[in-house]
C-alpha atoms as a PDB file:
ATOM      1  CA  MET A   1      -2.945  35.283 -27.182  1.00  0.00           C
ATOM      2  CA  LEU A   2      -3.454  32.119 -29.225  1.00  0.00           C
ATOM      3  CA  TRP A   3      -2.771  29.933 -26.170  1.00  0.00           C
ATOM      4  CA  LEU A   4      -5.171  32.001 -24.075  1.00  0.00           C
ATOM      5  CA  LEU A   5      -7.862  31.157 -26.605  1.00  0.00           C
ATOM      6  CA  ILE A   6      -6.952  27.489 -27.007  1.00  0.00           C
ATOM      7  CA  LEU A   7      -6.170  26.500 -23.412  1.00  0.00           C
ATOM      8  CA  PRO A   8      -9.716  26.792 -21.974  1.00  0.00           C
ATOM      9  CA  GLY A   9     -11.004  24.594 -24.765  1.00  0.00           C
ATOM     10  CA  LEU A  10      -8.299  21.985 -24.185  1.00  0.00           C
ATOM     11  CA  LEU A  11      -8.995  21.921 -20.451  1.00  0.00           C
ATOM     12  CA  MET A  12     -12.715  21.543 -21.059  1.00  0.00           C
ATOM     13  CA  ALA A  13     -12.144  18.735 -23.562  1.00  0.00           C
ATOM     14  CA  GLY A  14      -9.766  17.026 -21.134  1.00  0.00           C
ATOM     15  CA  GLY A  15     -12.317  17.282 -18.338  1.00  0.00           C
ATOM     16  CA  VAL A  16     -15.013  15.728 -20.512  1.00  0.00           C
ATOM     17  CA  TYR A  17     -12.618  12.947 -21.586  1.00  0.00           C
ATOM     18  CA  GLN A  18     -11.757  12.263 -17.934  1.00  0.00           C
ATOM     19  CA  ALA A  19     -15.412  12.212 -16.828  1.00  0.00           C
ATOM     20  CA  ILE A  20     -16.497   9.806 -19.562  1.00  0.00           C
ATOM     21  CA  ALA A  21     -13.485   7.515 -19.083  1.00  0.00           C
ATOM     22  CA  SER A  22     -13.980   7.467 -15.297  1.00  0.00           C
ATOM     23  CA  TRP A  23     -17.636   6.527 -15.773  1.00  0.00           C
ATOM     24  CA  MET A  24     -16.556   3.682 -18.044  1.00  0.00           C
ATOM     25  CA  ASP A  25     -13.883   2.550 -15.541  1.00  0.00           C
ATOM     26  CA  GLU A  26     -16.489   2.184 -12.791  1.00  0.00           C
ATOM     27  CA  ARG A  27     -18.356  -0.284 -14.975  1.00  0.00           C
ATOM     28  CA  ARG A  28     -15.329  -2.104 -16.359  1.00  0.00           C
ATOM     29  CA  PHE A  29     -13.506  -2.454 -13.031  1.00  0.00           C
ATOM     30  CA  PRO A  30     -15.995  -2.936 -10.167  1.00  0.00           C
ATOM     31  CA  PRO A  31     -14.624  -3.573  -6.660  1.00  0.00           C
ATOM     32  CA  ALA A  32     -12.871  -6.920  -6.349  1.00  0.00           C
ATOM     33  CA  GLY A  33     -14.386  -7.333  -2.873  1.00  0.00           C
ATOM     34  CA  ARG A  34     -17.030  -5.408  -0.944  1.00  0.00           C
ATOM     35  CA  LEU A  35     -17.343  -1.943   0.563  1.00  0.00           C
ATOM     36  CA  VAL A  36     -17.712  -1.813   4.357  1.00  0.00           C
ATOM     37  CA  ASP A  37     -18.940   1.254   6.254  1.00  0.00           C
ATOM     38  CA  VAL A  38     -16.448   2.086   9.016  1.00  0.00           C
ATOM     39  CA  GLY A  39     -18.250   5.192  10.257  1.00  0.00           C
ATOM     40  CA  GLY A  40     -18.949   7.892   7.696  1.00  0.00           C
ATOM     41  CA  PHE A  41     -17.105   6.354   4.759  1.00  0.00           C
ATOM     42  CA  LYS A  42     -16.534   2.922   3.225  1.00  0.00           C
ATOM     43  CA  LEU A  43     -13.383   0.854   2.888  1.00  0.00           C
ATOM     44  CA  HIS A  44     -12.895  -1.838   0.268  1.00  0.00           C
ATOM     45  CA  LEU A  45     -12.160  -5.341   1.617  1.00  0.00           C
ATOM     46  CA  ARG A  46     -11.275  -8.395  -0.467  1.00  0.00           C
ATOM     47  CA  ARG A  47     -11.728 -11.727   1.320  1.00  0.00           C
ATOM     48  CA  GLU A  48     -10.738 -15.193   0.100  1.00  0.00           C
ATOM     49  CA  GLY A  49     -10.174 -18.657   1.558  1.00  0.00           C
ATOM     50  CA  SER A  50     -11.413 -20.087   4.844  1.00  0.00           C
ATOM     51  CA  GLY A  51     -10.180 -21.128   8.261  1.00  0.00           C
ATOM     52  CA  GLN A  52      -8.328 -19.608  11.196  1.00  0.00           C
ATOM     53  CA  PRO A  53      -6.270 -17.620  11.868  1.00  0.00           C
ATOM     54  CA  VAL A  54      -7.321 -14.792   9.537  1.00  0.00           C
ATOM     55  CA  VAL A  55      -4.438 -13.342   7.512  1.00  0.00           C
ATOM     56  CA  VAL A  56      -4.712  -9.560   7.067  1.00  0.00           C
ATOM     57  CA  LEU A  57      -2.618  -7.913   4.324  1.00  0.00           C
ATOM     58  CA  GLU A  58      -1.689  -4.230   4.756  1.00  0.00           C
ATOM     59  CA  ALA A  59      -0.293  -2.440   1.687  1.00  0.00           C
ATOM     60  CA  GLY A  60       2.428   0.196   1.300  1.00  0.00           C
ATOM     61  CA  ILE A  61       1.911   3.925   1.645  1.00  0.00           C
ATOM     62  CA  ALA A  62       0.204   4.549  -1.715  1.00  0.00           C
ATOM     63  CA  ALA A  63      -0.440   0.940  -2.734  1.00  0.00           C
ATOM     64  CA  THR A  64      -3.729  -0.948  -2.689  1.00  0.00           C
ATOM     65  CA  SER A  65      -5.061  -4.452  -2.196  1.00  0.00           C
ATOM     66  CA  ILE A  66      -4.015  -5.163  -5.792  1.00  0.00           C
ATOM     67  CA  SER A  67      -0.359  -5.162  -4.729  1.00  0.00           C
ATOM     68  CA  TRP A  68      -1.094  -8.322  -2.708  1.00  0.00           C
ATOM     69  CA  SER A  69      -2.813 -10.241  -5.522  1.00  0.00           C
ATOM     70  CA  PRO A  70      -0.083 -12.848  -6.236  1.00  0.00           C
ATOM     71  CA  ALA A  71       0.503 -13.573  -2.531  1.00  0.00           C
ATOM     72  CA  GLN A  72      -3.198 -13.494  -1.627  1.00  0.00           C
ATOM     73  CA  ALA A  73      -4.021 -16.150  -4.210  1.00  0.00           C
ATOM     74  CA  ARG A  74      -1.438 -18.453  -2.642  1.00  0.00           C
ATOM     75  CA  LEU A  75      -2.504 -17.753   0.941  1.00  0.00           C
ATOM     76  CA  ALA A  76      -6.192 -18.348   0.170  1.00  0.00           C
ATOM     77  CA  GLU A  77      -5.320 -22.049  -0.191  1.00  0.00           C
ATOM     78  CA  LEU A  78      -4.115 -22.053   3.414  1.00  0.00           C
ATOM     79  CA  SER A  79      -6.536 -19.942   5.446  1.00  0.00           C
ATOM     80  CA  THR A  80      -8.902 -16.972   5.375  1.00  0.00           C
ATOM     81  CA  VAL A  81      -7.012 -14.026   3.896  1.00  0.00           C
ATOM     82  CA  CYS A  82      -8.137 -10.454   3.316  1.00  0.00           C
ATOM     83  CA  SER A  83      -6.580  -7.361   1.851  1.00  0.00           C
ATOM     84  CA  TYR A  84      -8.045  -3.876   1.841  1.00  0.00           C
ATOM     85  CA  ASP A  85      -7.585  -0.362   0.532  1.00  0.00           C
ATOM     86  CA  ARG A  86      -6.934   2.441   3.005  1.00  0.00           C
ATOM     87  CA  ALA A  87      -9.151   5.514   2.770  1.00  0.00           C
ATOM     88  CA  GLY A  88      -8.922   7.308  -0.582  1.00  0.00           C
ATOM     89  CA  LEU A  89      -6.955   4.554  -2.324  1.00  0.00           C
ATOM     90  CA  GLY A  90      -8.138   1.886  -4.741  1.00  0.00           C
ATOM     91  CA  TRP A  91     -11.872   1.318  -4.365  1.00  0.00           C
ATOM     92  CA  SER A  92     -12.126   2.873  -0.888  1.00  0.00           C
ATOM     93  CA  GLU A  93     -13.825   6.185  -0.201  1.00  0.00           C
ATOM     94  CA  PRO A  94     -11.842   9.138   1.207  1.00  0.00           C
ATOM     95  CA  ARG A  95     -12.185  10.276   4.801  1.00  0.00           C
ATOM     96  CA  ARG A  96     -14.582  13.128   5.330  1.00  0.00           C
ATOM     97  CA  ASP A  97     -12.100  15.318   7.227  1.00  0.00           C
ATOM     98  CA  GLY A  98      -8.928  14.365   5.352  1.00  0.00           C
ATOM     99  CA  SER A  99      -6.983  13.810   8.593  1.00  0.00           C
ATOM    100  CA  CYS A 100      -4.571  10.917   9.100  1.00  0.00           C
ATOM    101  CA  THR A 101      -2.880   9.725  12.290  1.00  0.00           C
ATOM    102  CA  LEU A 102      -1.493   6.330  13.205  1.00  0.00           C
ATOM    103  CA  GLU A 103      -4.144   5.874  15.884  1.00  0.00           C
ATOM    104  CA  GLN A 104      -6.795   6.667  13.284  1.00  0.00           C
ATOM    105  CA  LEU A 105      -5.405   4.153  10.786  1.00  0.00           C
ATOM    106  CA  VAL A 106      -5.315   1.408  13.413  1.00  0.00           C
ATOM    107  CA  GLY A 107      -8.833   2.276  14.559  1.00  0.00           C
ATOM    108  CA  GLU A 108     -10.146   2.121  10.996  1.00  0.00           C
ATOM    109  CA  LEU A 109      -8.562  -1.298  10.469  1.00  0.00           C
ATOM    110  CA  GLU A 110     -10.052  -2.654  13.698  1.00  0.00           C
ATOM    111  CA  GLU A 111     -13.460  -1.250  12.759  1.00  0.00           C
ATOM    112  CA  LEU A 112     -13.201  -2.790   9.287  1.00  0.00           C
ATOM    113  CA  LEU A 113     -12.353  -6.242  10.616  1.00  0.00           C
ATOM    114  CA  ARG A 114     -15.079  -6.133  13.249  1.00  0.00           C
ATOM    115  CA  ARG A 115     -17.823  -4.898  10.903  1.00  0.00           C
ATOM    116  CA  SER A 116     -16.779  -7.470   8.304  1.00  0.00           C
ATOM    117  CA  GLY A 117     -17.405 -10.278  10.789  1.00  0.00           C
ATOM    118  CA  LEU A 118     -13.773 -11.391  10.748  1.00  0.00           C
ATOM    119  CA  ALA A 119     -12.867 -12.957  14.072  1.00  0.00           C
ATOM    120  CA  ALA A 120      -9.484 -12.931  15.768  1.00  0.00           C
ATOM    121  CA  PRO A 121      -6.826 -14.164  15.941  1.00  0.00           C
ATOM    122  CA  PHE A 122      -5.143 -12.341  13.071  1.00  0.00           C
ATOM    123  CA  VAL A 123      -1.802 -12.847  11.386  1.00  0.00           C
ATOM    124  CA  LEU A 124      -0.988  -9.308  10.265  1.00  0.00           C
ATOM    125  CA  VAL A 125       1.213  -8.858   7.196  1.00  0.00           C
ATOM    126  CA  GLY A 126       2.443  -5.348   6.397  1.00  0.00           C
ATOM    127  CA  HIS A 127       4.529  -4.101   3.491  1.00  0.00           C
ATOM    128  CA  SER A 128       6.569  -0.892   3.900  1.00  0.00           C
ATOM    129  CA  PHE A 129       4.261   1.716   5.534  1.00  0.00           C
ATOM    130  CA  GLY A 130       1.860  -1.164   6.177  1.00  0.00           C
ATOM    131  CA  GLY A 131       4.448  -2.615   8.561  1.00  0.00           C
ATOM    132  CA  LEU A 132       4.102   0.509  10.695  1.00  0.00           C
ATOM    133  CA  VAL A 133       0.316   0.111  10.791  1.00  0.00           C
ATOM    134  CA  VAL A 134       0.285  -3.582  11.751  1.00  0.00           C
ATOM    135  CA  ARG A 135       2.907  -3.055  14.485  1.00  0.00           C
ATOM    136  CA  ALA A 136       0.682  -0.356  15.979  1.00  0.00           C
ATOM    137  CA  PHE A 137      -2.332  -2.676  15.728  1.00  0.00           C
ATOM    138  CA  ALA A 138      -0.427  -5.377  17.638  1.00  0.00           C
ATOM    139  CA  HIS A 139       0.384  -2.797  20.316  1.00  0.00           C
ATOM    140  CA  ALA A 140      -3.240  -1.666  20.621  1.00  0.00           C
ATOM    141  CA  TRP A 141      -4.923  -5.112  20.468  1.00  0.00           C
ATOM    142  CA  PRO A 142      -2.257  -7.720  21.299  1.00  0.00           C
ATOM    143  CA  GLU A 143      -4.876 -10.282  22.350  1.00  0.00           C
ATOM    144  CA  GLN A 144      -6.175 -10.340  18.758  1.00  0.00           C
ATOM    145  CA  VAL A 145      -2.793 -10.942  17.092  1.00  0.00           C
ATOM    146  CA  ALA A 146      -1.352 -14.399  16.371  1.00  0.00           C
ATOM    147  CA  GLY A 147       1.737 -13.028  14.649  1.00  0.00           C
ATOM    148  CA  LEU A 148       3.328 -10.318  12.520  1.00  0.00           C
ATOM    149  CA  VAL A 149       5.072 -10.617   9.166  1.00  0.00           C
ATOM    150  CA  LEU A 150       6.799  -7.364   8.175  1.00  0.00           C
ATOM    151  CA  VAL A 151       7.755  -7.136   4.500  1.00  0.00           C
ATOM    152  CA  ASP A 152      10.589  -4.619   4.034  1.00  0.00           C
ATOM    153  CA  PRO A 153       8.938  -2.328   6.620  1.00  0.00           C
ATOM    154  CA  VAL A 154       9.406   1.430   6.711  1.00  0.00           C
ATOM    155  CA  SER A 155      11.995   2.750   9.183  1.00  0.00           C
ATOM    156  CA  LEU A 156      10.462   4.464  12.210  1.00  0.00           C
ATOM    157  CA  VAL A 157      13.775   5.917  13.330  1.00  0.00           C
ATOM    158  CA  HIS A 158      14.574   7.456   9.956  1.00  0.00           C
ATOM    159  CA  TRP A 159      11.185   9.045   9.234  1.00  0.00           C
ATOM    160  CA  SER A 160      10.491  10.280  12.761  1.00  0.00           C
ATOM    161  CA  ARG A 161      13.622  12.442  12.849  1.00  0.00           C
ATOM    162  CA  GLY A 162      12.055  15.444  11.170  1.00  0.00           C
ATOM    163  CA  SER A 163      15.349  16.274   9.486  1.00  0.00           C
ATOM    164  CA  ARG A 164      15.504  18.952   6.834  1.00  0.00           C
ATOM    165  CA  ALA A 165      16.265  16.366   4.137  1.00  0.00           C
ATOM    166  CA  ASN A 166      13.258  14.249   5.129  1.00  0.00           C
ATOM    167  CA  THR A 167      10.993  17.285   5.295  1.00  0.00           C
ATOM    168  CA  GLU A 168      12.057  18.485   1.865  1.00  0.00           C
ATOM    169  CA  GLN A 169      11.682  15.000   0.373  1.00  0.00           C
ATOM    170  CA  ILE A 170       8.146  14.635   1.723  1.00  0.00           C
ATOM    171  CA  ARG A 171       7.178  18.149   0.684  1.00  0.00           C
ATOM    172  CA  ALA A 172       8.421  17.523  -2.855  1.00  0.00           C
ATOM    173  CA  ALA A 173       6.687  14.136  -3.125  1.00  0.00           C
ATOM    174  CA  ALA A 174       3.410  15.453  -1.704  1.00  0.00           C
ATOM    175  CA  GLY A 175       3.553  18.469  -4.007  1.00  0.00           C
ATOM    176  CA  LEU A 176       4.104  16.169  -6.976  1.00  0.00           C
ATOM    177  CA  SER A 177       1.108  14.101  -5.892  1.00  0.00           C
ATOM    178  CA  ARG A 178      -1.157  17.152  -5.637  1.00  0.00           C
ATOM    179  CA  ARG A 179      -0.050  18.379  -9.058  1.00  0.00           C
ATOM    180  CA  GLY A 180      -0.755  14.888 -10.349  1.00  0.00           C
ATOM    181  CA  ALA A 181      -4.310  15.233  -9.018  1.00  0.00           C
ATOM    182  CA  VAL A 182      -4.767  18.448 -10.998  1.00  0.00           C
ATOM    183  CA  LEU A 183      -3.541  16.802 -14.194  1.00  0.00           C
ATOM    184  CA  ALA A 184      -5.717  13.753 -13.535  1.00  0.00           C
ATOM    185  CA  ARG A 185      -8.834  15.941 -13.385  1.00  0.00           C
ATOM    186  CA  VAL A 186      -8.301  17.057 -16.981  1.00  0.00           C
ATOM    187  CA  GLY A 187      -7.333  13.628 -18.335  1.00  0.00           C
ATOM    188  CA  VAL A 188      -3.602  14.247 -18.764  1.00  0.00           C
ATOM    189  CA  VAL A 189      -2.485  11.451 -16.415  1.00  0.00           C
ATOM    190  CA  ARG A 190      -4.901   9.005 -18.033  1.00  0.00           C
ATOM    191  CA  ALA A 191      -3.602   9.857 -21.493  1.00  0.00           C
ATOM    192  CA  ALA A 192       0.033   9.633 -20.368  1.00  0.00           C
ATOM    193  CA  LEU A 193      -0.446   6.214 -18.738  1.00  0.00           C
ATOM    194  CA  SER A 194      -2.278   4.924 -21.803  1.00  0.00           C
ATOM    195  CA  VAL A 195       0.541   6.039 -24.085  1.00  0.00           C
ATOM    196  CA  LEU A 196       3.137   4.609 -21.695  1.00  0.00           C
ATOM    197  CA  ASN A 197       1.321   1.271 -21.634  1.00  0.00           C
ATOM    198  CA  ALA A 198       1.313   1.231 -25.442  1.00  0.00           C
ATOM    199  CA  GLY A 199       5.091   1.661 -25.453  1.00  0.00           C
ATOM    200  CA  GLY A 200       5.271   5.415 -26.006  1.00  0.00           C
ATOM    201  CA  ARG A 201       7.814   7.411 -24.002  1.00  0.00           C
ATOM    202  CA  TRP A 202       7.862  10.983 -25.357  1.00  0.00           C
ATOM    203  CA  PHE A 203       4.462  12.160 -24.093  1.00  0.00           C
ATOM    204  CA  PRO A 204       4.674  10.625 -20.556  1.00  0.00           C
ATOM    205  CA  SER A 205       8.226  11.910 -20.178  1.00  0.00           C
ATOM    206  CA  HIS A 206       7.216  15.463 -21.062  1.00  0.00           C
ATOM    207  CA  VAL A 207       4.192  15.296 -18.788  1.00  0.00           C
ATOM    208  CA  GLY A 208       6.460  14.202 -15.958  1.00  0.00           C
ATOM    209  CA  ARG A 209       8.846  17.085 -16.559  1.00  0.00           C
ATOM    210  CA  ALA A 210       5.925  19.499 -16.601  1.00  0.00           C
ATOM    211  CA  VAL A 211       4.887  18.297 -13.139  1.00  0.00           C
ATOM    212  CA  ALA A 212       8.361  18.251 -11.579  1.00  0.00           C
ATOM    213  CA  ARG A 213      11.971  17.849 -12.573  1.00  0.00           C
ATOM    214  CA  ARG A 214      11.945  14.168 -11.681  1.00  0.00           C
ATOM    215  CA  GLY A 215       8.297  13.586 -12.539  1.00  0.00           C
ATOM    216  CA  SER A 216       9.181  11.463 -15.533  1.00  0.00           C
ATOM    217  CA  ASP A 217      11.192   9.156 -13.251  1.00  0.00           C
ATOM    218  CA  VAL A 218       8.168   8.776 -10.984  1.00  0.00           C
ATOM    219  CA  MET A 219       5.972   7.753 -13.911  1.00  0.00           C
ATOM    220  CA  GLN A 220       8.585   5.285 -15.150  1.00  0.00           C
ATOM    221  CA  ASN A 221       8.901   3.782 -11.647  1.00  0.00           C
ATOM    222  CA  LEU A 222       5.117   3.443 -11.418  1.00  0.00           C
ATOM    223  CA  ALA A 223       5.073   1.645 -14.761  1.00  0.00           C
ATOM    224  CA  ARG A 224       7.837  -0.735 -13.632  1.00  0.00           C
ATOM    225  CA  GLU A 225       5.932  -1.673 -10.476  1.00  0.00           C
ATOM    226  CA  ILE A 226       2.729  -2.235 -12.453  1.00  0.00           C
ATOM    227  CA  ALA A 227       4.714  -4.537 -14.742  1.00  0.00           C
ATOM    228  CA  LYS A 228       5.440  -6.860 -11.785  1.00  0.00           C
ATOM    229  CA  LEU A 229       1.720  -7.573 -11.364  1.00  0.00           C
ATOM    230  CA  PRO A 230      -0.177 -10.211 -13.341  1.00  0.00           C
ATOM    231  CA  ARG A 231      -0.933  -8.714 -16.743  1.00  0.00           C
ATOM    232  CA  GLU A 232      -4.702  -8.989 -16.258  1.00  0.00           C
ATOM    233  CA  LEU A 233      -4.474  -6.381 -13.468  1.00  0.00           C
ATOM    234  CA  TYR A 234      -2.650  -3.685 -15.471  1.00  0.00           C
ATOM    235  CA  SER A 235      -5.812  -1.971 -16.668  1.00  0.00           C
ATOM    236  CA  THR A 236      -7.318  -1.835 -13.187  1.00  0.00           C
ATOM    237  CA  VAL A 237      -4.209  -0.210 -11.707  1.00  0.00           C
ATOM    238  CA  ARG A 238      -4.066   2.338 -14.542  1.00  0.00           C
ATOM    239  CA  ALA A 239      -7.743   3.146 -13.963  1.00  0.00           C
ATOM    240  CA  HIS A 240      -7.096   3.787 -10.263  1.00  0.00           C
ATOM    241  CA  TRP A 241      -4.118   6.047 -10.961  1.00  0.00           C
ATOM    242  CA  SER A 242      -6.017   7.959 -13.627  1.00  0.00           C
ATOM    243  CA  ARG A 243      -8.265   9.425 -10.933  1.00  0.00           C
ATOM    244  CA  PRO A 244      -7.308  12.466  -8.836  1.00  0.00           C
ATOM    245  CA  GLY A 245      -8.415  10.828  -5.572  1.00  0.00           C
ATOM    246  CA  GLY A 246      -5.479   8.430  -5.426  1.00  0.00           C
ATOM    247  CA  PHE A 247      -2.974  11.264  -5.827  1.00  0.00           C
ATOM    248  CA  LEU A 248      -4.645  13.316  -3.094  1.00  0.00           C
ATOM    249  CA  ALA A 249      -4.675  10.337  -0.726  1.00  0.00           C
ATOM    250  CA  MET A 250      -1.010   9.660  -1.470  1.00  0.00           C
ATOM    251  CA  ALA A 251      -0.154  13.269  -0.575  1.00  0.00           C
ATOM    252  CA  GLU A 252      -2.041  12.950   2.737  1.00  0.00           C
ATOM    253  CA  TYR A 253      -0.265   9.710   3.682  1.00  0.00           C
ATOM    254  CA  LEU A 254       3.139  11.104   2.729  1.00  0.00           C
ATOM    255  CA  GLU A 255       2.574  14.206   4.860  1.00  0.00           C
ATOM    256  CA  ALA A 256       1.402  12.014   7.756  1.00  0.00           C
ATOM    257  CA  LEU A 257       4.464   9.728   7.587  1.00  0.00           C
ATOM    258  CA  PRO A 258       6.729  11.581  10.093  1.00  0.00           C
ATOM    259  CA  GLY A 259       3.964  11.862  12.683  1.00  0.00           C
ATOM    260  CA  CYS A 260       2.972   8.214  12.220  1.00  0.00           C
ATOM    261  CA  ALA A 261       6.600   7.083  12.528  1.00  0.00           C
ATOM    262  CA  ALA A 262       7.081   9.128  15.711  1.00  0.00           C
ATOM    263  CA  ALA A 263       3.918   7.633  17.204  1.00  0.00           C
ATOM    264  CA  GLY A 264       5.044   4.154  16.160  1.00  0.00           C
ATOM    265  CA  LEU A 265       8.243   4.500  18.194  1.00  0.00           C
ATOM    266  CA  THR A 266       6.124   4.684  21.344  1.00  0.00           C
ATOM    267  CA  MET A 267       4.061   1.580  20.455  1.00  0.00           C
ATOM    268  CA  ASN A 268       6.052  -1.508  21.384  1.00  0.00           C
ATOM    269  CA  VAL A 269       4.950  -4.974  20.256  1.00  0.00           C
ATOM    270  CA  PRO A 270       4.543  -7.405  23.177  1.00  0.00           C
ATOM    271  CA  GLY A 271       7.358  -9.949  23.268  1.00  0.00           C
ATOM    272  CA  ASN A 272       5.040 -12.957  23.177  1.00  0.00           C
ATOM    273  CA  ILE A 273       3.821 -12.092  19.659  1.00  0.00           C
ATOM    274  CA  PRO A 274       5.851 -13.928  16.963  1.00  0.00           C
ATOM    275  CA  VAL A 275       7.513 -11.585  14.459  1.00  0.00           C
ATOM    276  CA  THR A 276       9.061 -12.438  11.096  1.00  0.00           C
ATOM    277  CA  ILE A 277      10.776  -9.659   9.144  1.00  0.00           C
ATOM    278  CA  LEU A 278      11.736  -9.948   5.468  1.00  0.00           C
ATOM    279  CA  SER A 279      14.319  -7.427   4.251  1.00  0.00           C
ATOM    280  CA  ALA A 280      14.946  -6.654   0.584  1.00  0.00           C
ATOM    281  CA  GLY A 281      18.433  -6.868  -0.828  1.00  0.00           C
ATOM    282  CA  ASN A 282      18.643  -3.076  -1.155  1.00  0.00           C
ATOM    283  CA  ALA A 283      17.716  -2.329   2.490  1.00  0.00           C
ATOM    284  CA  THR A 284      20.088   0.132   4.150  1.00  0.00           C
ATOM    285  CA  ALA A 285      22.369  -0.712   7.076  1.00  0.00           C
ATOM    286  CA  GLU A 286      20.271   1.562   9.288  1.00  0.00           C
ATOM    287  CA  GLU A 287      17.085  -0.283   8.314  1.00  0.00           C
ATOM    288  CA  LEU A 288      18.686  -3.678   8.933  1.00  0.00           C
ATOM    289  CA  ARG A 289      19.849  -2.666  12.430  1.00  0.00           C
ATOM    290  CA  GLU A 290      16.389  -1.422  13.334  1.00  0.00           C
ATOM    291  CA  ARG A 291      14.783  -4.633  12.112  1.00  0.00           C
ATOM    292  CA  GLU A 292      17.284  -6.783  13.991  1.00  0.00           C
ATOM    293  CA  ALA A 293      16.262  -4.933  17.144  1.00  0.00           C
ATOM    294  CA  TRP A 294      12.557  -5.577  16.459  1.00  0.00           C
ATOM    295  CA  ALA A 295      13.219  -9.275  15.931  1.00  0.00           C
ATOM    296  CA  SER A 296      15.252  -9.517  19.154  1.00  0.00           C
ATOM    297  CA  GLU A 297      12.378  -7.973  21.147  1.00  0.00           C
ATOM    298  CA  SER A 298      10.138 -10.933  20.251  1.00  0.00           C
ATOM    299  CA  GLU A 299      10.436 -14.308  21.968  1.00  0.00           C
ATOM    300  CA  ARG A 300       9.951 -15.819  18.499  1.00  0.00           C
ATOM    301  CA  GLY A 301      11.505 -13.209  16.273  1.00  0.00           C
ATOM    302  CA  ARG A 302      13.217 -13.824  12.915  1.00  0.00           C
ATOM    303  CA  HIS A 303      14.902 -11.467  10.476  1.00  0.00           C
ATOM    304  CA  ILE A 304      15.372 -12.893   6.978  1.00  0.00           C
ATOM    305  CA  LYS A 305      17.441 -11.048   4.366  1.00  0.00           C
ATOM    306  CA  VAL A 306      16.554 -11.698   0.727  1.00  0.00           C
ATOM    307  CA  PRO A 307      19.529 -10.872  -1.548  1.00  0.00           C
ATOM    308  CA  GLY A 308      18.962  -9.608  -5.071  1.00  0.00           C
ATOM    309  CA  THR A 309      15.521  -8.160  -4.405  1.00  0.00           C
ATOM    310  CA  GLY A 310      13.932  -4.717  -4.357  1.00  0.00           C
ATOM    311  CA  HIS A 311      11.395  -3.103  -2.058  1.00  0.00           C
ATOM    312  CA  TRP A 312       8.317  -4.837  -3.536  1.00  0.00           C
ATOM    313  CA  LEU A 313       9.093  -8.291  -2.197  1.00  0.00           C
ATOM    314  CA  GLN A 314       5.487  -9.490  -2.378  1.00  0.00           C
ATOM    315  CA  LEU A 315       5.547  -8.905  -6.141  1.00  0.00           C
ATOM    316  CA  GLU A 316       9.086 -10.129  -6.819  1.00  0.00           C
ATOM    317  CA  ARG A 317       9.002 -13.125  -4.453  1.00  0.00           C
ATOM    318  CA  PRO A 318       5.343 -13.875  -3.574  1.00  0.00           C
ATOM    319  CA  GLU A 319       6.220 -17.493  -2.834  1.00  0.00           C
ATOM    320  CA  LEU A 320       8.711 -16.429  -0.151  1.00  0.00           C
ATOM    321  CA  VAL A 321       6.248 -14.052   1.504  1.00  0.00           C
ATOM    322  CA  SER A 322       3.561 -16.738   1.375  1.00  0.00           C
ATOM    323  CA  GLN A 323       5.942 -19.245   2.945  1.00  0.00           C
ATOM    324  CA  ALA A 324       6.738 -16.902   5.856  1.00  0.00           C
ATOM    325  CA  VAL A 325       3.041 -16.272   6.459  1.00  0.00           C
ATOM    326  CA  GLY A 326       2.210 -19.960   6.072  1.00  0.00           C
ATOM    327  CA  GLU A 327       4.778 -20.888   8.722  1.00  0.00           C
ATOM    328  CA  MET A 328       3.218 -18.340  11.082  1.00  0.00           C
ATOM    329  CA  VAL A 329      -0.273 -19.733  10.447  1.00  0.00           C
ATOM    330  CA  ASN A 330       0.819 -23.327  10.960  1.00  0.00           C
ATOM    331  CA  ALA A 331       2.725 -22.430  14.116  1.00  0.00           C
ATOM    332  CA  TRP A 332      -0.476 -20.991  15.579  1.00  0.00           C
ATOM    333  CA  ARG A 333      -2.361 -24.130  14.610  1.00  0.00           C
ATOM    334  CA  GLY A 334       0.260 -26.221  16.370  1.00  0.00           C
ATOM    335  CA  GLY A 335       1.524 -27.800  13.162  1.00  0.00           C
ATOM    336  CA  SER A 336       4.618 -27.193  11.043  1.00  0.00           C
ATOM    337  CA  GLY A 337       4.916 -25.143   7.866  1.00  0.00           C
ATOM    338  CA  THR A 338       5.466 -26.919   4.578  1.00  0.00           C
ATOM    339  CA  GLU A 339       8.271 -26.083   2.235  1.00  0.00           C
ATOM    340  CA  ASP A 340       6.166 -23.882  -0.033  1.00  0.00           C
ATOM    341  CA  GLY A 341       4.105 -22.307   2.731  1.00  0.00           C
ATOM    342  CA  SER A 342       0.848 -23.896   1.567  1.00  0.00           C
END
């Protein structure tokens, strides 16, 4: 009976805390770039540098333009480079209908580039799920693509299978994301991330266990990835993940992954488009075989393995990613890449 009396008050207080803190976040962390209307909603685009070809950075399944910050700063010295947030993530608005297909993602990217006044050719750089998106873009508009750089790309074969294990993994992850959205609405996620950032472990761990059995591991993994970013970006990332919208978008992209992977298998990249693939040290044998096949399908295909690295190569080794992109840019210009890619 005591909890029945206390709980509504706690939820109301948490909601007020979340609303005030979110209002403050909007003023403390304005968009790093600009918002572009792509037909009913706006996507956030961050543009730096100058020159051709234009380098387009596509983030992982729940990541944002912030995940490209170290590499983008390097690439801006070489050419025009832009990163963006897919619908519902980072500073971008959610889609009105909440749907998500690979064709839709590619169409939104093309619309964003066109309405932003960015002219082809493009060197498309995709990390993880972003690799799936840029491959599909190259299939749809090959005449606009100067080259592809795939950074530890997601496996199309693995995720298109629709196996019971994959289905259960996606259902669990999406369910965790939706529960995270509920907790974010009442300020619990914000409080947990703040405590975690200050070095506390007990409260975030218990919040994670309340969401799911491995929820605490998810929060710890999120904190570890944030720690690979420049320290000045920590607060912005925490602000984004303190909002329910990011969790809801993550659930939508996770649930769309099998369908997107299946569609991607039917979208071959023309052989005349140069392809460079960077594989992390912990890539599976199945992933490596698939990537070798992609590289062999290109007349100028390369597959580079990077020992001792994890999935977030652009955060662990931004200089290596920048070098691979720089070589692609210079090859298009008819020159030769420098040692450091700049």
